C-alpha atoms as a PDB file:
ATOM      1  CA  MET A   1       0.000   0.000   0.000  1.00  0.00           C
ATOM      2  CA  LYS A   2       1.228   3.506  -0.832  1.00  0.00           C
ATOM      3  CA  VAL A   3       0.725   6.709   1.156  1.00  0.00           C
ATOM      4  CA  ALA A   4      -0.193   9.821  -0.844  1.00  0.00           C
ATOM      5  CA  PHE A   5       2.002  12.909  -0.423  1.00  0.00           C
ATOM      6  CA  LYS A   6       1.364  16.385  -1.783  1.00  0.00           C
ATOM      7  CA  PRO A   7       3.461  17.193  -4.877  1.00  0.00           C
ATOM      8  CA  GLY A   8       7.007  17.987  -3.840  1.00  0.00           C
ATOM      9  CA  THR A   9      10.697  17.458  -4.434  1.00  0.00           C
ATOM     10  CA  MET A  10      11.166  13.805  -3.573  1.00  0.00           C
ATOM     11  CA  ILE A  11      14.000  12.867  -5.918  1.00  0.00           C
ATOM     12  CA  TYR A  12      16.742  11.866  -3.479  1.00  0.00           C
ATOM     13  CA  PRO A  13      19.617  11.339  -2.819  1.00  0.00           C
ATOM     14  CA  LEU A  14      21.310  14.259  -4.552  1.00  0.00           C
ATOM     15  CA  PRO A  15      24.896  15.425  -4.682  1.00  0.00           C
ATOM     16  CA  ALA A  16      25.620  18.133  -2.116  1.00  0.00           C
ATOM     17  CA  VAL A  17      28.005  20.454  -3.937  1.00  0.00           C
ATOM     18  CA  MET A  18      29.746  23.681  -3.056  1.00  0.00           C
ATOM     19  CA  VAL A  19      29.416  26.211  -5.859  1.00  0.00           C
ATOM     20  CA  SER A  20      32.093  28.880  -6.010  1.00  0.00           C
ATOM     21  CA  CYS A  21      31.421  32.152  -7.778  1.00  0.00           C
ATOM     22  CA  GLY A  22      32.693  35.709  -8.119  1.00  0.00           C
ATOM     23  CA  ASP A  23      35.251  37.175 -10.474  1.00  0.00           C
ATOM     24  CA  ASN A  24      37.900  38.541  -8.082  1.00  0.00           C
ATOM     25  CA  PRO A  25      39.124  37.693  -4.566  1.00  0.00           C
ATOM     26  CA  GLU A  26      37.086  40.549  -3.050  1.00  0.00           C
ATOM     27  CA  ASN A  27      33.770  38.994  -4.108  1.00  0.00           C
ATOM     28  CA  TYR A  28      34.544  35.248  -4.109  1.00  0.00           C
ATOM     29  CA  ASN A  29      31.765  33.273  -2.454  1.00  0.00           C
ATOM     30  CA  ILE A  30      30.683  29.701  -1.857  1.00  0.00           C
ATOM     31  CA  LEU A  31      27.108  28.451  -1.687  1.00  0.00           C
ATOM     32  CA  THR A  32      25.874  24.943  -1.078  1.00  0.00           C
ATOM     33  CA  VAL A  33      23.522  23.566  -3.720  1.00  0.00           C
ATOM     34  CA  ALA A  34      21.635  20.290  -3.890  1.00  0.00           C
ATOM     35  CA  TRP A  35      19.502  21.271  -6.898  1.00  0.00           C
ATOM     36  CA  THR A  36      22.161  20.438  -9.465  1.00  0.00           C
ATOM     37  CA  GLY A  37      22.772  17.919 -12.191  1.00  0.00           C
ATOM     38  CA  THR A  38      23.596  17.065 -15.773  1.00  0.00           C
ATOM     39  CA  VAL A  39      21.260  18.266 -18.520  1.00  0.00           C
ATOM     40  CA  CYS A  40      23.188  17.187 -21.630  1.00  0.00           C
ATOM     41  CA  SER A  41      26.261  15.101 -22.405  1.00  0.00           C
ATOM     42  CA  ASP A  42      27.067  16.454 -25.882  1.00  0.00           C
ATOM     43  CA  PRO A  43      27.767  19.295 -25.457  1.00  0.00           C
ATOM     44  CA  PRO A  44      28.450  18.763 -21.753  1.00  0.00           C
ATOM     45  CA  MET A  45      25.969  20.900 -19.814  1.00  0.00           C
ATOM     46  CA  CYS A  46      24.764  21.100 -16.246  1.00  0.00           C
ATOM     47  CA  TYR A  47      22.654  23.323 -14.038  1.00  0.00           C
ATOM     48  CA  ILE A  48      22.318  24.741 -10.567  1.00  0.00           C
ATOM     49  CA  SER A  49      19.137  26.218  -9.125  1.00  0.00           C
ATOM     50  CA  VAL A  50      19.471  29.134  -6.713  1.00  0.00           C
ATOM     51  CA  ARG A  51      16.945  31.229  -4.796  1.00  0.00           C
ATOM     52  CA  LYS A  52      16.841  34.894  -5.852  1.00  0.00           C
ATOM     53  CA  GLU A  53      17.411  36.102  -2.281  1.00  0.00           C
ATOM     54  CA  ARG A  54      20.724  34.248  -1.957  1.00  0.00           C
ATOM     55  CA  HIS A  55      23.798  36.494  -1.946  1.00  0.00           C
ATOM     56  CA  SER A  56      25.371  34.438  -4.740  1.00  0.00           C
ATOM     57  CA  HIS A  57      22.378  34.870  -7.062  1.00  0.00           C
ATOM     58  CA  GLN A  58      23.444  38.437  -7.859  1.00  0.00           C
ATOM     59  CA  LEU A  59      27.073  37.344  -8.449  1.00  0.00           C
ATOM     60  CA  LEU A  60      25.904  34.588 -10.787  1.00  0.00           C
ATOM     61  CA  MET A  61      23.715  37.011 -12.724  1.00  0.00           C
ATOM     62  CA  GLN A  62      26.626  39.459 -13.092  1.00  0.00           C
ATOM     63  CA  THR A  63      29.436  37.060 -13.991  1.00  0.00           C
ATOM     64  CA  LYS A  64      27.501  34.216 -15.671  1.00  0.00           C
ATOM     65  CA  GLU A  65      30.195  31.801 -14.438  1.00  0.00           C
ATOM     66  CA  PHE A  66      30.566  29.366 -11.559  1.00  0.00           C
ATOM     67  CA  VAL A  67      32.403  26.229 -10.475  1.00  0.00           C
ATOM     68  CA  ILE A  68      30.670  23.121  -9.157  1.00  0.00           C
ATOM     69  CA  ASN A  69      32.976  21.625  -6.526  1.00  0.00           C
ATOM     70  CA  LEU A  70      32.105  18.062  -5.577  1.00  0.00           C
ATOM     71  CA  THR A  71      32.130  17.397  -1.857  1.00  0.00           C
ATOM     72  CA  THR A  72      33.303  14.579   0.368  1.00  0.00           C
ATOM     73  CA  GLU A  73      32.580  13.258   3.836  1.00  0.00           C
ATOM     74  CA  GLN A  74      35.635  15.237   4.997  1.00  0.00           C
ATOM     75  CA  LEU A  75      34.037  18.420   3.596  1.00  0.00           C
ATOM     76  CA  ALA A  76      30.618  17.775   5.211  1.00  0.00           C
ATOM     77  CA  PHE A  77      30.983  20.506   7.859  1.00  0.00           C
ATOM     78  CA  ALA A  78      32.086  23.100   5.289  1.00  0.00           C
ATOM     79  CA  THR A  79      29.330  22.010   2.899  1.00  0.00           C
ATOM     80  CA  ASP A  80      26.634  22.474   5.522  1.00  0.00           C
ATOM     81  CA  TRP A  81      28.140  25.725   6.852  1.00  0.00           C
ATOM     82  CA  CYS A  82      28.250  27.287   3.375  1.00  0.00           C
ATOM     83  CA  GLY A  83      24.562  26.434   3.006  1.00  0.00           C
ATOM     84  CA  VAL A  84      23.410  28.173   6.184  1.00  0.00           C
ATOM     85  CA  LYS A  85      25.742  31.193   6.341  1.00  0.00           C
ATOM     86  CA  SER A  86      25.569  34.120   3.945  1.00  0.00           C
ATOM     87  CA  GLY A  87      28.499  35.519   2.022  1.00  0.00           C
ATOM     88  CA  ARG A  88      27.022  38.948   2.791  1.00  0.00           C
ATOM     89  CA  ASP A  89      28.221  38.481   6.378  1.00  0.00           C
ATOM     90  CA  CYS A  90      31.535  36.640   6.050  1.00  0.00           C
ATOM     91  CA  ASN A  91      34.300  35.411   3.788  1.00  0.00           C
ATOM     92  CA  LYS A  92      33.571  31.681   3.624  1.00  0.00           C
ATOM     93  CA  PHE A  93      36.976  30.779   2.176  1.00  0.00           C
ATOM     94  CA  LYS A  94      38.762  32.444   5.111  1.00  0.00           C
ATOM     95  CA  GLN A  95      36.281  31.328   7.762  1.00  0.00           C
ATOM     96  CA  LEU A  96      36.519  27.656   6.744  1.00  0.00           C
ATOM     97  CA  HIS A  97      40.208  27.666   5.743  1.00  0.00           C
ATOM     98  CA  LEU A  98      39.317  26.619   2.200  1.00  0.00           C
ATOM     99  CA  THR A  99      41.720  27.442  -0.596  1.00  0.00           C
ATOM    100  CA  PRO A 100      40.551  29.451  -3.632  1.00  0.00           C
ATOM    101  CA  GLU A 101      42.539  28.259  -6.617  1.00  0.00           C
ATOM    102  CA  PRO A 102      42.585  29.786 -10.119  1.00  0.00           C
ATOM    103  CA  ALA A 103      40.389  28.003 -12.644  1.00  0.00           C
ATOM    104  CA  GLN A 104      41.560  27.105 -16.156  1.00  0.00           C
ATOM    105  CA  ILE A 105      38.938  29.173 -17.975  1.00  0.00           C
ATOM    106  CA  VAL A 106      36.370  30.913 -15.741  1.00  0.00           C
ATOM    107  CA  LYS A 107      37.108  33.718 -13.295  1.00  0.00           C
ATOM    108  CA  ALA A 108      35.327  31.991 -10.399  1.00  0.00           C
ATOM    109  CA  PRO A 109      37.772  30.102  -8.164  1.00  0.00           C
ATOM    110  CA  LEU A 110      38.081  26.364  -7.685  1.00  0.00           C
ATOM    111  CA  ILE A 111      37.966  25.022  -4.137  1.00  0.00           C
ATOM    112  CA  ALA A 112      41.343  23.248  -3.877  1.00  0.00           C
ATOM    113  CA  GLU A 113      40.090  20.793  -1.228  1.00  0.00           C
ATOM    114  CA  SER A 114      37.381  19.458  -3.567  1.00  0.00           C
ATOM    115  CA  PRO A 115      38.287  16.282  -5.497  1.00  0.00           C
ATOM    116  CA  LEU A 116      36.604  17.491  -8.705  1.00  0.00           C
ATOM    117  CA  ASN A 117      35.889  21.008  -9.938  1.00  0.00           C
ATOM    118  CA  ILE A 118      33.585  21.622 -12.897  1.00  0.00           C
ATOM    119  CA  GLU A 119      33.992  25.028 -14.522  1.00  0.00           C
ATOM    120  CA  CYS A 120      30.739  26.358 -15.966  1.00  0.00           C
ATOM    121  CA  ARG A 121      29.656  29.242 -18.158  1.00  0.00           C
ATOM    122  CA  VAL A 122      25.940  30.151 -18.031  1.00  0.00           C
ATOM    123  CA  THR A 123      24.012  29.974 -21.307  1.00  0.00           C
ATOM    124  CA  GLU A 124      20.507  30.564 -19.952  1.00  0.00           C
ATOM    125  CA  VAL A 125      18.728  31.538 -16.737  1.00  0.00           C
ATOM    126  CA  LYS A 126      15.219  30.150 -16.294  1.00  0.00           C
ATOM    127  CA  GLU A 127      12.947  31.763 -13.708  1.00  0.00           C
ATOM    128  CA  LEU A 128      11.007  28.844 -12.258  1.00  0.00           C
ATOM    129  CA  GLY A 129       9.385  30.006  -9.014  1.00  0.00           C
ATOM    130  CA  SER A 130      11.282  29.620  -5.745  1.00  0.00           C
ATOM    131  CA  HIS A 131      14.548  29.123  -7.685  1.00  0.00           C
ATOM    132  CA  ASP A 132      16.184  30.363 -10.872  1.00  0.00           C
ATOM    133  CA  MET A 133      17.899  27.638 -12.883  1.00  0.00           C
ATOM    134  CA  PHE A 134      21.329  28.533 -14.240  1.00  0.00           C
ATOM    135  CA  ILE A 135      21.919  26.284 -17.259  1.00  0.00           C
ATOM    136  CA  ALA A 136      25.579  26.185 -18.223  1.00  0.00           C
ATOM    137  CA  ASN A 137      28.146  24.717 -20.566  1.00  0.00           C
ATOM    138  CA  VAL A 138      30.917  22.769 -18.897  1.00  0.00           C
ATOM    139  CA  VAL A 139      34.063  24.509 -20.118  1.00  0.00           C
ATOM    140  CA  ALA A 140      36.707  22.667 -18.055  1.00  0.00           C
ATOM    141  CA  VAL A 141      37.035  19.887 -15.479  1.00  0.00           C
ATOM    142  CA  ASN A 142      39.782  19.656 -12.870  1.00  0.00           C
ATOM    143  CA  ALA A 143      40.366  16.330 -11.079  1.00  0.00           C
ATOM    144  CA  GLU A 144      42.522  15.517  -8.070  1.00  0.00           C
ATOM    145  CA  GLU A 145      45.484  13.646  -9.564  1.00  0.00           C
ATOM    146  CA  THR A 146      45.599  11.033  -6.782  1.00  0.00           C
ATOM    147  CA  LEU A 147      42.061   9.937  -7.740  1.00  0.00           C
ATOM    148  CA  VAL A 148      42.898   9.206 -11.384  1.00  0.00           C
ATOM    149  CA  ASP A 149      43.689   5.551 -12.064  1.00  0.00           C
ATOM    150  CA  LYS A 150      47.171   5.493 -13.592  1.00  0.00           C
ATOM    151  CA  GLY A 151      46.371   2.452 -15.749  1.00  0.00           C
ATOM    152  CA  THR A 152      42.959   3.389 -17.173  1.00  0.00           C
ATOM    153  CA  GLY A 153      42.858   7.165 -16.675  1.00  0.00           C
ATOM    154  CA  ALA A 154      39.440   6.772 -15.012  1.00  0.00           C
ATOM    155  CA  PHE A 155      38.463   9.222 -12.287  1.00  0.00           C
ATOM    156  CA  GLN A 156      37.674   7.307  -9.078  1.00  0.00           C
ATOM    157  CA  LEU A 157      35.425   9.613  -7.051  1.00  0.00           C
ATOM    158  CA  ASN A 158      34.446   6.720  -4.784  1.00  0.00           C
ATOM    159  CA  HIS A 159      37.961   6.824  -3.273  1.00  0.00           C
ATOM    160  CA  ALA A 160      37.249  10.393  -2.063  1.00  0.00           C
ATOM    161  CA  HIS A 161      34.121   9.293  -0.109  1.00  0.00           C
ATOM    162  CA  PRO A 162      31.576  11.574  -1.827  1.00  0.00           C
ATOM    163  CA  LEU A 163      28.810  13.290   0.101  1.00  0.00           C
ATOM    164  CA  ALA A 164      25.107  12.915  -0.716  1.00  0.00           C
ATOM    165  CA  PHE A 165      22.057  14.845   0.517  1.00  0.00           C
ATOM    166  CA  SER A 166      18.693  13.224   1.265  1.00  0.00           C
ATOM    167  CA  HIS A 167      15.702  14.899   2.917  1.00  0.00           C
ATOM    168  CA  GLY A 168      17.746  17.434   4.865  1.00  0.00           C
ATOM    169  CA  LYS A 169      20.518  15.044   5.913  1.00  0.00           C
ATOM    170  CA  TYR A 170      24.025  14.286   4.623  1.00  0.00           C
ATOM    171  CA  TYR A 171      25.218  10.753   3.915  1.00  0.00           C
ATOM    172  CA  GLY A 172      28.280   8.970   2.660  1.00  0.00           C
ATOM    173  CA  LEU A 173      27.794   6.476  -0.153  1.00  0.00           C
ATOM    174  CA  GLY A 174      27.566   2.761   0.531  1.00  0.00           C
ATOM    175  CA  GLU A 175      29.146  -0.188  -1.223  1.00  0.00           C
ATOM    176  CA  LYS A 176      29.158  -0.565  -4.990  1.00  0.00           C
ATOM    177  CA  ILE A 177      26.354  -2.824  -6.207  1.00  0.00           C
ATOM    178  CA  GLY A 178      27.290  -2.993  -9.881  1.00  0.00           C
ATOM    179  CA  GLY A 179      28.462  -0.983 -12.857  1.00  0.00           C
ATOM    180  CA  PHE A 180      26.500   0.455 -15.753  1.00  0.00           C
ATOM    181  CA  GLY A 181      25.125  -2.461 -17.797  1.00  0.00           C
ATOM    182  CA  PHE A 182      25.830  -5.115 -15.142  1.00  0.00           C
ATOM    183  CA  SER A 183      22.239  -6.407 -15.436  1.00  0.00           C
ATOM    184  CA  VAL A 184      22.726  -7.490 -19.051  1.00  0.00           C
ATOM    185  CA  LYS A 185      26.427  -8.305 -19.061  1.00  0.00           C
ATOM    186  CA  LYS A 186      27.249 -11.820 -20.145  1.00  0.00           C
ATOM    187  CA  LYS A 187      28.881 -13.935 -17.488  1.00  0.00           C
ATOM    188  CA  LYS A 188      32.410 -15.092 -18.168  1.00  0.00           C
ATOM    189  CA  LYS A 189      32.793 -18.811 -18.718  1.00  0.00           C
ATOM    190  CA  THR A 190      35.110 -20.547 -16.292  1.00  0.00           C
END
């Protein structure tokens, strides 16, 4: 038997990411976003959704650039803190001892402590209601070298212990169950 809920945002878990924005050290900011994801693979595109009243909304509208910084269990405190504190009142990089690092292409900084930084340039802003969706092209990706498999070149985010967000709580990921296509993969003969 199912229980009926009113329409709402029930697609969980989600990545909890720290989005860095601003175009010079005086206005660098970090906001935590769970409304994020991929919208297209060719060309590579993603989105973040941000409330208009957030301090970073104005920066995003001005610069049209941001960096999605994936988070880890080790970054859980910083991830939460950046979601509840406003950049109007403090410098989040300094307060949390996070390191702004120059990006390859955009003016927004990378967060050095993040295992993967996705540089984005906004192509469209959609006003949706409580949030505006910033749709962006991925213009560069920066991966922590120690997480790249030397043999295959594959990025191994699982080794960084990524952080997920579900119904107002943060979680680490569990054990791997299978890989893409495992349900139809032919078994090897022994």
